[in-house]
Amino acid sequence: MGAWADEFAAAAQHPNVYSNVSRLYTVAAADTWNADDLKPYIDYALGPFGAGCVG
């Protein structure tokens, strides 16, 4: 996942930072994406932030 993942994990180290995954579709092909395309990003977000901080 590259630099995005590194920066995402760094942000998660701050207790006042939360993640909103509602715009993740922007990482997928605009007119052909499906839920399977976004799953790796959602799964990754749950790691550093945990389920309670991802909306």
PDB file of N, CA and C in Angstrom:
ATOM      1  N   MET A   1       0.823  -1.198   0.000  1.00  0.00           N
ATOM      2  CA  MET A   1       0.000   0.000   0.000  1.00  0.00           C
ATOM      3  C   MET A   1       0.861   1.253   0.000  1.00  0.00           C
ATOM      4  N   GLY A   2       2.126   1.111   0.232  1.00  0.00           N
ATOM      5  CA  GLY A   2       3.048   2.219   0.052  1.00  0.00           C
ATOM      6  C   GLY A   2       2.991   3.307   1.098  1.00  0.00           C
ATOM      7  N   ALA A   3       3.324   4.513   0.670  1.00  0.00           N
ATOM      8  CA  ALA A   3       3.424   5.666   1.567  1.00  0.00           C
ATOM      9  C   ALA A   3       2.102   5.956   2.262  1.00  0.00           C
ATOM     10  N   TRP A   4       0.989   5.723   1.577  1.00  0.00           N
ATOM     11  CA  TRP A   4      -0.319   5.968   2.182  1.00  0.00           C
ATOM     12  C   TRP A   4      -0.457   5.182   3.477  1.00  0.00           C
ATOM     13  N   ALA A   5      -0.091   3.928   3.449  1.00  0.00           N
ATOM     14  CA  ALA A   5      -0.223   3.074   4.625  1.00  0.00           C
ATOM     15  C   ALA A   5       0.690   3.531   5.751  1.00  0.00           C
ATOM     16  N   ASP A   6       1.891   3.943   5.416  1.00  0.00           N
ATOM     17  CA  ASP A   6       2.826   4.439   6.435  1.00  0.00           C
ATOM     18  C   ASP A   6       2.287   5.696   7.104  1.00  0.00           C
ATOM     19  N   GLU A   7       1.776   6.611   6.306  1.00  0.00           N
ATOM     20  CA  GLU A   7       1.224   7.863   6.851  1.00  0.00           C
ATOM     21  C   GLU A   7      -0.047   7.603   7.647  1.00  0.00           C
ATOM     22  N   PHE A   8      -0.840   6.672   7.186  1.00  0.00           N
ATOM     23  CA  PHE A   8      -2.077   6.303   7.876  1.00  0.00           C
ATOM     24  C   PHE A   8      -1.758   5.739   9.251  1.00  0.00           C
ATOM     25  N   ALA A   9      -0.799   4.846   9.316  1.00  0.00           N
ATOM     26  CA  ALA A   9      -0.396   4.243  10.589  1.00  0.00           C
ATOM     27  C   ALA A   9       0.197   5.297  11.525  1.00  0.00           C
ATOM     28  N   ALA A  10       0.953   6.231  10.987  1.00  0.00           N
ATOM     29  CA  ALA A  10       1.522   7.302  11.811  1.00  0.00           C
ATOM     30  C   ALA A  10       0.416   8.171  12.396  1.00  0.00           C
ATOM     31  N   ALA A  11      -0.588   8.485  11.615  1.00  0.00           N
ATOM     32  CA  ALA A  11      -1.711   9.294  12.104  1.00  0.00           C
ATOM     33  C   ALA A  11      -2.454   8.572  13.226  1.00  0.00           C
ATOM     34  N   ALA A  12      -2.549   7.266  13.130  1.00  0.00           N
ATOM     35  CA  ALA A  12      -3.272   6.475  14.130  1.00  0.00           C
ATOM     36  C   ALA A  12      -2.587   6.494  15.489  1.00  0.00           C
ATOM     37  N   GLN A  13      -1.342   6.915  15.540  1.00  0.00           N
ATOM     38  CA  GLN A  13      -0.615   6.976  16.811  1.00  0.00           C
ATOM     39  C   GLN A  13      -1.081   8.119  17.705  1.00  0.00           C
ATOM     40  N   HIS A  14      -1.845   9.037  17.149  1.00  0.00           N
ATOM     41  CA  HIS A  14      -2.325  10.198  17.910  1.00  0.00           C
ATOM     42  C   HIS A  14      -3.735   9.927  18.416  1.00  0.00           C
ATOM     43  N   PRO A  15      -3.966  10.025  19.712  1.00  0.00           N
ATOM     44  CA  PRO A  15      -5.266   9.649  20.276  1.00  0.00           C
ATOM     45  C   PRO A  15      -6.426  10.537  19.833  1.00  0.00           C
ATOM     46  N   ASN A  16      -6.138  11.722  19.308  1.00  0.00           N
ATOM     47  CA  ASN A  16      -7.214  12.614  18.884  1.00  0.00           C
ATOM     48  C   ASN A  16      -7.498  12.518  17.381  1.00  0.00           C
ATOM     49  N   VAL A  17      -6.939  11.520  16.698  1.00  0.00           N
ATOM     50  CA  VAL A  17      -7.134  11.353  15.264  1.00  0.00           C
ATOM     51  C   VAL A  17      -8.032  10.146  15.020  1.00  0.00           C
ATOM     52  N   TYR A  18      -9.019  10.348  14.169  1.00  0.00           N
ATOM     53  CA  TYR A  18      -9.943   9.287  13.778  1.00  0.00           C
ATOM     54  C   TYR A  18      -9.893   9.133  12.270  1.00  0.00           C
ATOM     55  N   SER A  19     -10.443   8.067  11.768  1.00  0.00           N
ATOM     56  CA  SER A  19     -10.437   7.810  10.335  1.00  0.00           C
ATOM     57  C   SER A  19     -11.861   7.730   9.814  1.00  0.00           C
ATOM     58  N   ASN A  20     -12.069   8.344   8.661  1.00  0.00           N
ATOM     59  CA  ASN A  20     -13.345   8.256   7.965  1.00  0.00           C
ATOM     60  C   ASN A  20     -13.066   7.567   6.641  1.00  0.00           C
ATOM     61  N   VAL A  21     -13.646   6.415   6.439  1.00  0.00           N
ATOM     62  CA  VAL A  21     -13.353   5.641   5.239  1.00  0.00           C
ATOM     63  C   VAL A  21     -14.412   5.831   4.146  1.00  0.00           C
ATOM     64  N   SER A  22     -15.314   6.771   4.317  1.00  0.00           N
ATOM     65  CA  SER A  22     -16.400   6.929   3.354  1.00  0.00           C
ATOM     66  C   SER A  22     -15.930   7.384   1.978  1.00  0.00           C
ATOM     67  N   ARG A  23     -14.745   7.957   1.867  1.00  0.00           N
ATOM     68  CA  ARG A  23     -14.241   8.418   0.571  1.00  0.00           C
ATOM     69  C   ARG A  23     -13.213   7.469  -0.040  1.00  0.00           C
ATOM     70  N   LEU A  24     -13.122   6.266   0.478  1.00  0.00           N
ATOM     71  CA  LEU A  24     -12.139   5.326  -0.050  1.00  0.00           C
ATOM     72  C   LEU A  24     -12.385   4.946  -1.500  1.00  0.00           C
ATOM     73  N   TYR A  25     -13.588   5.123  -1.976  1.00  0.00           N
ATOM     74  CA  TYR A  25     -13.850   4.784  -3.372  1.00  0.00           C
ATOM     75  C   TYR A  25     -12.952   5.577  -4.318  1.00  0.00           C
ATOM     76  N   THR A  26     -12.342   6.657  -3.852  1.00  0.00           N
ATOM     77  CA  THR A  26     -11.473   7.457  -4.707  1.00  0.00           C
ATOM     78  C   THR A  26     -10.180   6.728  -5.066  1.00  0.00           C
ATOM     79  N   VAL A  27      -9.847   5.647  -4.377  1.00  0.00           N
ATOM     80  CA  VAL A  27      -8.647   4.876  -4.700  1.00  0.00           C
ATOM     81  C   VAL A  27      -8.935   3.801  -5.738  1.00  0.00           C
ATOM     82  N   ALA A  28     -10.190   3.632  -6.088  1.00  0.00           N
ATOM     83  CA  ALA A  28     -10.582   2.580  -7.024  1.00  0.00           C
ATOM     84  C   ALA A  28     -10.889   3.182  -8.399  1.00  0.00           C
ATOM     85  N   ALA A  29     -10.982   2.334  -9.385  1.00  0.00           N
ATOM     86  CA  ALA A  29     -11.346   2.767 -10.736  1.00  0.00           C
ATOM     87  C   ALA A  29     -12.733   3.397 -10.691  1.00  0.00           C
ATOM     88  N   ALA A  30     -12.842   4.606 -11.165  1.00  0.00           N
ATOM     89  CA  ALA A  30     -14.042   5.430 -11.006  1.00  0.00           C
ATOM     90  C   ALA A  30     -15.347   4.756 -11.413  1.00  0.00           C
ATOM     91  N   ASP A  31     -15.375   4.075 -12.522  1.00  0.00           N
ATOM     92  CA  ASP A  31     -16.653   3.543 -12.997  1.00  0.00           C
ATOM     93  C   ASP A  31     -16.763   2.019 -12.945  1.00  0.00           C
ATOM     94  N   THR A  32     -15.745   1.367 -12.366  1.00  0.00           N
ATOM     95  CA  THR A  32     -15.808  -0.093 -12.332  1.00  0.00           C
ATOM     96  C   THR A  32     -15.538  -0.691 -10.957  1.00  0.00           C
ATOM     97  N   TRP A  33     -15.378   0.129  -9.923  1.00  0.00           N
ATOM     98  CA  TRP A  33     -15.005  -0.414  -8.620  1.00  0.00           C
ATOM     99  C   TRP A  33     -16.167  -1.186  -8.004  1.00  0.00           C
ATOM    100  N   ASN A  34     -15.797  -2.096  -7.089  1.00  0.00           N
ATOM    101  CA  ASN A  34     -16.796  -2.806  -6.295  1.00  0.00           C
ATOM    102  C   ASN A  34     -16.231  -2.969  -4.882  1.00  0.00           C
ATOM    103  N   ALA A  35     -16.994  -3.552  -4.014  1.00  0.00           N
ATOM    104  CA  ALA A  35     -16.602  -3.673  -2.607  1.00  0.00           C
ATOM    105  C   ALA A  35     -15.292  -4.438  -2.435  1.00  0.00           C
ATOM    106  N   ASP A  36     -15.042  -5.407  -3.287  1.00  0.00           N
ATOM    107  CA  ASP A  36     -13.801  -6.177  -3.180  1.00  0.00           C
ATOM    108  C   ASP A  36     -12.563  -5.313  -3.438  1.00  0.00           C
ATOM    109  N   ASP A  37     -12.706  -4.262  -4.252  1.00  0.00           N
ATOM    110  CA  ASP A  37     -11.590  -3.351  -4.509  1.00  0.00           C
ATOM    111  C   ASP A  37     -11.217  -2.557  -3.263  1.00  0.00           C
ATOM    112  N   LEU A  38     -12.198  -2.259  -2.440  1.00  0.00           N
ATOM    113  CA  LEU A  38     -11.969  -1.422  -1.257  1.00  0.00           C
ATOM    114  C   LEU A  38     -11.630  -2.233  -0.011  1.00  0.00           C
ATOM    115  N   LYS A  39     -11.940  -3.501  -0.016  1.00  0.00           N
ATOM    116  CA  LYS A  39     -11.749  -4.336   1.170  1.00  0.00           C
ATOM    117  C   LYS A  39     -10.331  -4.274   1.741  1.00  0.00           C
ATOM    118  N   PRO A  40      -9.273  -4.338   0.942  1.00  0.00           N
ATOM    119  CA  PRO A  40      -7.932  -4.281   1.533  1.00  0.00           C
ATOM    120  C   PRO A  40      -7.675  -2.982   2.299  1.00  0.00           C
ATOM    121  N   TYR A  41      -8.244  -1.890   1.830  1.00  0.00           N
ATOM    122  CA  TYR A  41      -8.056  -0.603   2.497  1.00  0.00           C
ATOM    123  C   TYR A  41      -8.843  -0.544   3.808  1.00  0.00           C
ATOM    124  N   ILE A  42     -10.059  -1.049   3.791  1.00  0.00           N
ATOM    125  CA  ILE A  42     -10.871  -1.106   5.011  1.00  0.00           C
ATOM    126  C   ILE A  42     -10.189  -2.004   6.032  1.00  0.00           C
ATOM    127  N   ASP A  43      -9.753  -3.169   5.586  1.00  0.00           N
ATOM    128  CA  ASP A  43      -9.071  -4.098   6.489  1.00  0.00           C
ATOM    129  C   ASP A  43      -7.822  -3.452   7.084  1.00  0.00           C
ATOM    130  N   TYR A  44      -7.080  -2.740   6.267  1.00  0.00           N
ATOM    131  CA  TYR A  44      -5.873  -2.084   6.764  1.00  0.00           C
ATOM    132  C   TYR A  44      -6.236  -1.017   7.797  1.00  0.00           C
ATOM    133  N   ALA A  45      -7.254  -0.220   7.520  1.00  0.00           N
ATOM    134  CA  ALA A  45      -7.664   0.849   8.435  1.00  0.00           C
ATOM    135  C   ALA A  45      -8.063   0.303   9.794  1.00  0.00           C
ATOM    136  N   LEU A  46      -8.653  -0.859   9.821  1.00  0.00           N
ATOM    137  CA  LEU A  46      -9.069  -1.454  11.088  1.00  0.00           C
ATOM    138  C   LEU A  46      -7.880  -1.834  11.961  1.00  0.00           C
ATOM    139  N   GLY A  47      -6.746  -2.095  11.353  1.00  0.00           N
ATOM    140  CA  GLY A  47      -5.554  -2.455  12.127  1.00  0.00           C
ATOM    141  C   GLY A  47      -5.072  -1.336  13.017  1.00  0.00           C
ATOM    142  N   PRO A  48      -4.555  -0.246  12.448  1.00  0.00           N
ATOM    143  CA  PRO A  48      -4.006   0.827  13.267  1.00  0.00           C
ATOM    144  C   PRO A  48      -5.033   1.569  14.117  1.00  0.00           C
ATOM    145  N   PHE A  49      -6.243   1.747  13.569  1.00  0.00           N
ATOM    146  CA  PHE A  49      -7.243   2.538  14.285  1.00  0.00           C
ATOM    147  C   PHE A  49      -8.176   1.699  15.143  1.00  0.00           C
ATOM    148  N   GLY A  50      -8.471   0.507  14.741  1.00  0.00           N
ATOM    149  CA  GLY A  50      -9.457  -0.319  15.434  1.00  0.00           C
ATOM    150  C   GLY A  50     -10.851   0.014  14.960  1.00  0.00           C
ATOM    151  N   ALA A  51     -11.765  -0.883  15.164  1.00  0.00           N
ATOM    152  CA  ALA A  51     -13.123  -0.730  14.663  1.00  0.00           C
ATOM    153  C   ALA A  51     -13.843   0.468  15.275  1.00  0.00           C
ATOM    154  N   GLY A  52     -13.517   0.856  16.484  1.00  0.00           N
ATOM    155  CA  GLY A  52     -14.205   1.962  17.134  1.00  0.00           C
ATOM    156  C   GLY A  52     -13.839   3.328  16.596  1.00  0.00           C
ATOM    157  N   CYS A  53     -12.776   3.410  15.829  1.00  0.00           N
ATOM    158  CA  CYS A  53     -12.314   4.709  15.333  1.00  0.00           C
ATOM    159  C   CYS A  53     -12.406   4.835  13.832  1.00  0.00           C
ATOM    160  N   VAL A  54     -13.035   3.902  13.183  1.00  0.00           N
ATOM    161  CA  VAL A  54     -13.176   3.962  11.731  1.00  0.00           C
ATOM    162  C   VAL A  54     -14.648   4.102  11.431  1.00  0.00           C
ATOM    163  N   GLY A  55     -14.999   5.141  10.710  1.00  0.00           N
ATOM    164  CA  GLY A  55     -16.410   5.367  10.399  1.00  0.00           C
ATOM    165  C   GLY A  55     -16.660   5.533   8.951  1.00  0.00           C
TER     166      GLY A  55
END
